[in-house]
Protein backbone atom coordinates (compact mmCIF):
# COMPACT_ATOMS: atom_id res chain seq x y z
CA ALA A 1 110.21 -40.02 117.19
CA GLU A 2 109.87 -36.72 118.97
CA GLY A 3 112.91 -35.64 120.92
CA LYS A 4 115.38 -37.91 119.11
CA PRO A 5 118.38 -36.47 117.27
CA TRP A 6 118.22 -36.76 113.47
CA ALA A 7 121.17 -39.18 113.39
CA THR A 8 119.31 -41.53 115.75
CA LEU A 9 116.12 -41.35 113.69
CA PHE A 10 118.04 -42.00 110.49
CA GLN A 11 119.84 -44.95 112.08
CA ASP A 12 116.75 -46.49 113.67
CA GLU A 13 114.19 -45.90 110.93
CA LEU A 14 116.10 -46.19 107.68
CA LYS A 15 119.78 -46.99 107.83
CA ALA A 16 119.52 -50.22 109.80
CA ALA A 17 116.48 -51.43 107.81
CA LEU A 18 118.33 -50.95 104.52
CA GLY A 19 121.65 -52.31 105.74
CA LEU A 20 123.50 -49.12 104.93
CA PRO A 21 127.12 -48.89 106.13
CA ALA A 22 128.26 -46.64 108.96
CA GLU A 23 129.76 -44.16 106.47
CA VAL A 24 126.29 -43.19 105.21
CA ALA A 25 125.36 -40.26 107.40
CA TYR A 26 124.02 -36.72 107.51
CA PHE A 27 126.41 -33.82 108.15
CA THR A 28 126.27 -30.08 108.72
CA ALA A 29 129.10 -29.73 106.19
CA PRO A 30 128.69 -32.86 104.05
CA ARG A 31 131.55 -32.19 101.66
CA GLN A 32 133.95 -32.22 104.62
CA SER A 33 132.00 -34.85 106.63
CA ILE A 34 131.81 -32.40 109.54
CA GLY A 35 129.12 -32.00 112.19
CA GLN A 36 126.29 -34.36 112.91
CA GLN A 37 124.58 -32.51 115.77
CA ASN A 38 122.71 -30.12 113.46
CA PRO A 39 122.89 -31.72 110.00
CA LEU A 40 121.52 -30.43 106.73
CA ILE A 41 118.44 -32.59 106.21
CA ALA A 42 118.14 -31.55 102.56
CA GLY A 43 121.55 -32.05 101.01
CA GLY A 44 123.56 -33.18 104.02
CA MET A 45 123.70 -36.94 103.40
CA ARG A 46 126.88 -38.58 102.21
CA ALA A 47 126.22 -41.82 100.34
CA SER A 48 127.39 -43.54 97.18
CA VAL A 49 125.04 -44.05 94.24
CA ASP A 50 124.69 -47.74 95.17
CA GLU A 51 123.87 -46.84 98.78
CA TYR A 52 121.37 -44.16 97.78
CA ALA A 53 119.78 -46.55 95.27
CA LYS A 54 118.56 -48.63 98.24
CA ILE A 55 116.72 -45.57 99.56
CA LEU A 56 115.32 -44.58 96.17
CA GLY A 57 114.34 -48.20 95.46
CA THR A 58 112.40 -48.25 98.72
CA VAL A 59 110.52 -45.11 97.69
CA PHE A 60 109.89 -46.65 94.25
CA ALA A 61 108.53 -49.80 95.95
CA LYS A 62 106.17 -47.57 97.97
CA GLY A 63 107.89 -48.15 101.29
CA LEU A 64 109.06 -51.75 100.95
CA ALA A 65 112.75 -52.32 101.64
CA PRO A 66 114.73 -54.70 99.38
CA SER A 67 114.26 -57.31 102.13
CA GLY A 68 110.48 -57.05 101.69
CA SER A 69 109.88 -55.42 105.05
CA ARG A 70 107.75 -52.29 105.17
CA ILE A 71 109.70 -49.35 106.55
CA VAL A 72 107.52 -46.48 105.29
CA SER A 73 103.76 -46.51 104.83
CA GLU A 74 102.43 -46.62 101.29
CA ALA A 75 100.17 -43.68 102.18
CA LEU A 76 103.21 -41.54 103.04
CA VAL A 77 104.91 -42.42 99.75
CA ASP A 78 101.69 -41.62 97.86
CA ALA A 79 101.46 -38.28 99.69
CA GLN A 80 105.01 -37.51 98.53
CA SER A 81 103.81 -37.60 94.92
CA LYS A 82 101.03 -35.03 95.46
CA ASP A 83 101.02 -31.28 95.90
CA PRO A 84 100.46 -30.73 99.64
CA TYR A 85 99.41 -27.09 99.15
CA PRO A 86 97.54 -26.90 95.83
CA ALA A 87 95.98 -23.50 96.56
CA SER A 88 99.33 -21.83 97.24
CA ILE A 89 100.64 -19.22 94.85
CA VAL A 90 104.23 -19.86 93.83
CA ALA A 91 106.06 -16.54 93.53
CA TYR A 92 109.46 -18.11 92.78
CA SER A 93 110.43 -21.63 91.79
CA PRO A 94 114.08 -22.70 91.59
CA MET A 95 113.04 -25.41 89.12
CA LYS A 96 111.46 -22.79 86.87
CA ALA A 97 114.45 -20.47 87.30
CA ALA A 98 117.09 -23.18 86.76
CA ALA A 99 115.49 -25.33 84.09
CA GLY A 100 112.39 -23.52 82.84
CA LEU A 101 110.14 -26.31 84.12
CA ASP A 102 106.84 -25.48 85.75
CA TYR A 103 106.97 -28.30 88.34
CA ARG A 104 105.49 -27.96 91.81
CA TYR A 105 107.40 -29.06 94.92
CA GLY A 106 105.86 -31.78 97.06
CA LEU A 107 107.11 -33.47 100.21
CA ALA A 108 110.86 -33.68 99.53
CA SER A 109 110.62 -33.99 95.74
CA TRP A 110 109.68 -32.18 92.57
CA LEU A 111 106.39 -33.30 91.05
CA GLU A 112 107.04 -33.80 87.35
CA CYS A 113 103.52 -33.79 85.92
CA GLU A 114 100.67 -31.51 84.94
CA THR A 115 98.33 -32.89 87.62
CA PRO A 116 100.24 -32.56 90.90
CA THR A 117 97.05 -32.38 93.00
CA GLN A 118 96.10 -35.86 91.78
CA GLY A 119 99.60 -37.27 92.08
CA CYS A 120 102.59 -37.68 89.81
CA ALA A 121 104.16 -40.87 88.51
CA GLN A 122 107.43 -39.00 88.01
CA VAL A 123 109.24 -37.27 90.87
CA SER A 124 112.80 -36.03 91.22
CA SER A 125 115.13 -34.41 93.72
CA PRO A 126 118.10 -32.67 92.06
CA GLY A 127 120.80 -31.53 94.42
CA ALA A 128 122.85 -28.34 94.46
CA PHE A 129 126.04 -30.15 93.38
CA GLY A 130 124.54 -32.31 90.62
CA PHE A 131 123.41 -35.51 92.40
CA THR A 132 120.01 -36.09 90.79
CA PRO A 133 117.72 -39.03 91.64
CA TRP A 134 114.31 -39.53 90.03
CA LEU A 135 111.71 -42.20 89.53
CA ASP A 136 109.14 -42.93 86.85
CA ARG A 137 106.47 -45.34 88.03
CA ASP A 138 104.68 -45.35 84.65
CA ALA A 139 107.81 -46.55 82.87
CA GLY A 140 108.84 -48.81 85.77
CA TYR A 141 112.27 -47.51 86.70
CA TYR A 142 114.27 -45.22 88.95
CA ALA A 143 117.60 -43.62 88.17
CA ILE A 144 120.35 -41.52 89.67
CA LEU A 145 122.80 -39.15 88.05
CA GLY A 146 125.67 -39.51 90.48
CA MET A 147 127.98 -36.56 90.12
CA GLU A 148 129.52 -33.96 92.32
CA VAL A 149 130.34 -30.70 90.64
CA GLU A 150 131.83 -27.61 92.21
CA ARG A 151 129.10 -25.04 92.57
CA SER A 152 130.09 -22.81 89.73
CA GLY A 153 127.65 -21.84 87.06
CA ASP A 154 124.25 -23.44 87.12
CA VAL A 155 124.80 -27.03 88.21
CA VAL A 156 121.10 -27.69 88.87
CA SER A 157 120.18 -26.51 85.38
CA PHE A 158 122.80 -28.85 83.90
CA ALA A 159 121.70 -31.84 86.00
CA VAL A 160 117.98 -31.31 85.40
CA GLY A 161 118.61 -30.74 81.70
CA LEU A 162 120.56 -34.00 81.51
CA GLU A 163 117.77 -35.83 83.37
CA GLN A 164 115.19 -34.46 80.93
CA LYS A 165 117.32 -35.56 77.94
CA LEU A 166 117.85 -39.08 79.33
CA LYS A 167 114.25 -39.79 80.33
CA PRO A 168 112.84 -40.33 76.81
CA ALA A 169 115.67 -42.73 75.91
CA ILE A 170 115.15 -44.71 79.12
CA ARG A 171 111.39 -44.84 78.54
CA ARG A 172 111.95 -46.12 74.99
CA ALA A 173 114.31 -48.80 76.34
CA PHE A 174 111.43 -49.96 78.57
CA GLY A 175 109.02 -49.88 75.63
CA LYS A 176 107.09 -46.89 76.99
CA PRO A 177 106.03 -43.82 74.97
């Protein structure tokens, strides 16, 4: 993949495999759909909840697309649920600052457990404007809070707080403690 623009990688490796429409793309300024030469990798994608659910569902299925084809290795998905730098000292955590949660950050997601070096069954990725996907492998579901809020006040704190309030109700609905 070396030497390819991000848009090409996204198209070739994920977008085509999941059958995502042309409108799903990464932008430098995603709210205005401007600039694809140097996009924001974290936070620059424009997609609907239904479109993003295909991506999150693939992560939940450990790399299997809805079609059944493998598009990401299971080992990579497993690595995403573990702390890649367990010996590091965390001086500042936006999750701790925003929501008071002592979660570690893994490869592109927050590790929502007390044993991040061993792996977490719950991971999340709240965005700056409120879009908050998460998955819970123990309970057998994944979910997305699909909202876009102007960045005023503490949007992440609100979104993460709402996620934390919803999770027990969802787990009960699945018959999980």
